[in-house]
């Protein structure tokens, strides 16, 4: 099913395309949209494959990691300020990921 995932994302975008307003690409909008769609397709495929190698709980935590990285990447690439609440929420999720992985690593060493 992994090869179908990017195709399904493309089709869902095509279905909602008539409802997008305004649908105008100017300047670097088209390359950025293509880059965004490529990253979404790759990340979705990797998330679909990842439970083969790590637990499903860790995959769920990685999905939360994406919600942290998105505002930071937008801040770095486009220059849009994510705001203090987005950064604070990202910090909470990062600390949770760190503690969870730290506990998991400690449990593996004990066994």
C-alpha atoms as a PDB file:
ATOM      1  CA  UNK A   1       0.000   0.000   0.000  1.00  0.00           C
ATOM      2  CA  UNK A   2       2.971   2.347   0.351  1.00  0.00           C
ATOM      3  CA  UNK A   3       3.237   3.149  -3.384  1.00  0.00           C
ATOM      4  CA  UNK A   4      -0.452   4.108  -3.398  1.00  0.00           C
ATOM      5  CA  UNK A   5      -0.038   6.668  -0.602  1.00  0.00           C
ATOM      6  CA  UNK A   6       1.421   9.556  -2.676  1.00  0.00           C
ATOM      7  CA  UNK A   7      -1.120   8.840  -5.417  1.00  0.00           C
ATOM      8  CA  UNK A   8      -3.971   9.053  -2.873  1.00  0.00           C
ATOM      9  CA  UNK A   9      -2.596  12.352  -1.559  1.00  0.00           C
ATOM     10  CA  UNK A  10      -2.448  13.711  -5.107  1.00  0.00           C
ATOM     11  CA  UNK A  11      -6.032  12.629  -5.828  1.00  0.00           C
ATOM     12  CA  UNK A  12      -7.357  14.157  -2.619  1.00  0.00           C
ATOM     13  CA  UNK A  13      -5.657  17.421  -3.571  1.00  0.00           C
ATOM     14  CA  UNK A  14      -7.180  17.253  -7.040  1.00  0.00           C
ATOM     15  CA  UNK A  15     -10.652  16.715  -5.553  1.00  0.00           C
ATOM     16  CA  UNK A  16     -10.380  19.822  -3.371  1.00  0.00           C
ATOM     17  CA  UNK A  17      -8.640  21.959  -5.993  1.00  0.00           C
ATOM     18  CA  UNK A  18     -11.877  23.527  -7.316  1.00  0.00           C
ATOM     19  CA  UNK A  19     -12.701  24.745  -3.806  1.00  0.00           C
ATOM     20  CA  UNK A  20      -9.331  26.489  -3.305  1.00  0.00           C
ATOM     21  CA  UNK A  21      -9.642  30.261  -3.477  1.00  0.00           C
ATOM     22  CA  UNK A  22      -7.749  32.143  -4.632  1.00  0.00           C
ATOM     23  CA  UNK A  23      -5.820  29.638  -6.702  1.00  0.00           C
ATOM     24  CA  UNK A  24      -3.061  31.863  -8.005  1.00  0.00           C
ATOM     25  CA  UNK A  25       0.614  30.960  -8.092  1.00  0.00           C
ATOM     26  CA  UNK A  26       3.012  33.882  -8.104  1.00  0.00           C
ATOM     27  CA  UNK A  27       6.771  33.856  -7.960  1.00  0.00           C
ATOM     28  CA  UNK A  28       8.087  30.910  -5.978  1.00  0.00           C
ATOM     29  CA  UNK A  29       4.652  29.556  -4.982  1.00  0.00           C
ATOM     30  CA  UNK A  30       4.613  26.711  -7.510  1.00  0.00           C
ATOM     31  CA  UNK A  31       8.080  25.313  -6.621  1.00  0.00           C
ATOM     32  CA  UNK A  32       7.260  25.623  -2.907  1.00  0.00           C
ATOM     33  CA  UNK A  33       3.964  23.771  -3.412  1.00  0.00           C
ATOM     34  CA  UNK A  34       5.752  21.026  -5.349  1.00  0.00           C
ATOM     35  CA  UNK A  35       8.424  20.754  -2.651  1.00  0.00           C
ATOM     36  CA  UNK A  36       5.741  20.624   0.047  1.00  0.00           C
ATOM     37  CA  UNK A  37       3.799  17.900  -1.743  1.00  0.00           C
ATOM     38  CA  UNK A  38       6.974  15.873  -2.258  1.00  0.00           C
ATOM     39  CA  UNK A  39       7.880  16.102   1.425  1.00  0.00           C
ATOM     40  CA  UNK A  40       4.370  15.123   2.487  1.00  0.00           C
ATOM     41  CA  UNK A  41       4.401  12.097   0.162  1.00  0.00           C
ATOM     42  CA  UNK A  42       7.832  10.940   1.377  1.00  0.00           C
ATOM     43  CA  UNK A  43       7.007  11.435   5.045  1.00  0.00           C
ATOM     44  CA  UNK A  44       3.690   9.609   4.728  1.00  0.00           C
ATOM     45  CA  UNK A  45       5.396   6.656   3.050  1.00  0.00           C
ATOM     46  CA  UNK A  46       8.071   6.556   5.751  1.00  0.00           C
ATOM     47  CA  UNK A  47       5.428   6.700   8.486  1.00  0.00           C
ATOM     48  CA  UNK A  48       3.626   3.789   6.831  1.00  0.00           C
ATOM     49  CA  UNK A  49       6.837   1.725   6.748  1.00  0.00           C
ATOM     50  CA  UNK A  50       8.167   2.675  10.184  1.00  0.00           C
ATOM     51  CA  UNK A  51       6.057   0.296  12.357  1.00  0.00           C
ATOM     52  CA  UNK A  52       8.109  -2.550  10.880  1.00  0.00           C
ATOM     53  CA  UNK A  53      11.168  -1.232  12.691  1.00  0.00           C
ATOM     54  CA  UNK A  54       9.874   0.610  15.773  1.00  0.00           C
ATOM     55  CA  UNK A  55       6.815   0.322  18.007  1.00  0.00           C
ATOM     56  CA  UNK A  56       3.558   1.982  17.060  1.00  0.00           C
ATOM     57  CA  UNK A  57       3.790   4.225  20.137  1.00  0.00           C
ATOM     58  CA  UNK A  58       7.110   5.576  18.881  1.00  0.00           C
ATOM     59  CA  UNK A  59       5.556   6.213  15.464  1.00  0.00           C
ATOM     60  CA  UNK A  60       2.801   8.231  17.147  1.00  0.00           C
ATOM     61  CA  UNK A  61       5.452  10.286  18.937  1.00  0.00           C
ATOM     62  CA  UNK A  62       7.243  10.890  15.629  1.00  0.00           C
ATOM     63  CA  UNK A  63       4.020  12.262  14.189  1.00  0.00           C
ATOM     64  CA  UNK A  64       3.979  14.738  17.066  1.00  0.00           C
ATOM     65  CA  UNK A  65       7.565  15.620  16.161  1.00  0.00           C
ATOM     66  CA  UNK A  66       6.392  16.675  12.718  1.00  0.00           C
ATOM     67  CA  UNK A  67       4.010  19.166  14.275  1.00  0.00           C
ATOM     68  CA  UNK A  68       7.006  20.717  16.029  1.00  0.00           C
ATOM     69  CA  UNK A  69       9.259  20.870  13.010  1.00  0.00           C
ATOM     70  CA  UNK A  70       6.674  22.387  10.655  1.00  0.00           C
ATOM     71  CA  UNK A  71       6.464  25.805  12.391  1.00  0.00           C
ATOM     72  CA  UNK A  72      10.237  25.884  12.867  1.00  0.00           C
ATOM     73  CA  UNK A  73      10.854  25.128   9.188  1.00  0.00           C
ATOM     74  CA  UNK A  74       8.356  27.780   8.147  1.00  0.00           C
ATOM     75  CA  UNK A  75      10.123  30.220  10.448  1.00  0.00           C
ATOM     76  CA  UNK A  76      13.524  29.324   8.992  1.00  0.00           C
ATOM     77  CA  UNK A  77      12.568  29.140   5.307  1.00  0.00           C
ATOM     78  CA  UNK A  78       9.801  31.692   4.836  1.00  0.00           C
ATOM     79  CA  UNK A  79      10.444  33.939   7.828  1.00  0.00           C
ATOM     80  CA  UNK A  80       6.941  33.702   9.299  1.00  0.00           C
ATOM     81  CA  UNK A  81       7.057  33.959  13.093  1.00  0.00           C
ATOM     82  CA  UNK A  82       5.251  30.968  14.680  1.00  0.00           C
ATOM     83  CA  UNK A  83       4.520  32.824  17.929  1.00  0.00           C
ATOM     84  CA  UNK A  84       5.317  32.028  21.507  1.00  0.00           C
ATOM     85  CA  UNK A  85       2.479  29.521  22.001  1.00  0.00           C
ATOM     86  CA  UNK A  86       3.583  27.370  19.059  1.00  0.00           C
ATOM     87  CA  UNK A  87       7.143  27.354  20.378  1.00  0.00           C
ATOM     88  CA  UNK A  88       5.972  26.571  23.929  1.00  0.00           C
ATOM     89  CA  UNK A  89       3.792  23.703  22.675  1.00  0.00           C
ATOM     90  CA  UNK A  90       6.689  22.394  20.615  1.00  0.00           C
ATOM     91  CA  UNK A  91       8.936  22.505  23.660  1.00  0.00           C
ATOM     92  CA  UNK A  92       6.408  20.470  25.669  1.00  0.00           C
ATOM     93  CA  UNK A  93       6.247  17.823  22.946  1.00  0.00           C
ATOM     94  CA  UNK A  94      10.054  17.724  22.585  1.00  0.00           C
ATOM     95  CA  UNK A  95      10.521  17.271  26.327  1.00  0.00           C
ATOM     96  CA  UNK A  96       7.926  14.492  26.305  1.00  0.00           C
ATOM     97  CA  UNK A  97       9.689  12.761  23.397  1.00  0.00           C
ATOM     98  CA  UNK A  98      13.037  13.081  25.146  1.00  0.00           C
ATOM     99  CA  UNK A  99      11.760  11.639  28.433  1.00  0.00           C
ATOM    100  CA  UNK A 100       9.911   8.806  26.684  1.00  0.00           C
ATOM    101  CA  UNK A 101      12.946   7.785  24.622  1.00  0.00           C
ATOM    102  CA  UNK A 102      15.261   8.142  27.609  1.00  0.00           C
ATOM    103  CA  UNK A 103      13.076   5.784  29.668  1.00  0.00           C
ATOM    104  CA  UNK A 104      12.865   3.303  26.771  1.00  0.00           C
ATOM    105  CA  UNK A 105      16.651   3.288  26.350  1.00  0.00           C
ATOM    106  CA  UNK A 106      17.199   2.763  30.059  1.00  0.00           C
ATOM    107  CA  UNK A 107      14.784  -0.188  30.072  1.00  0.00           C
ATOM    108  CA  UNK A 108      16.625  -1.789  27.129  1.00  0.00           C
ATOM    109  CA  UNK A 109      19.974  -1.511  28.926  1.00  0.00           C
ATOM    110  CA  UNK A 110      18.615  -3.157  32.088  1.00  0.00           C
ATOM    111  CA  UNK A 111      17.393  -6.264  30.263  1.00  0.00           C
END
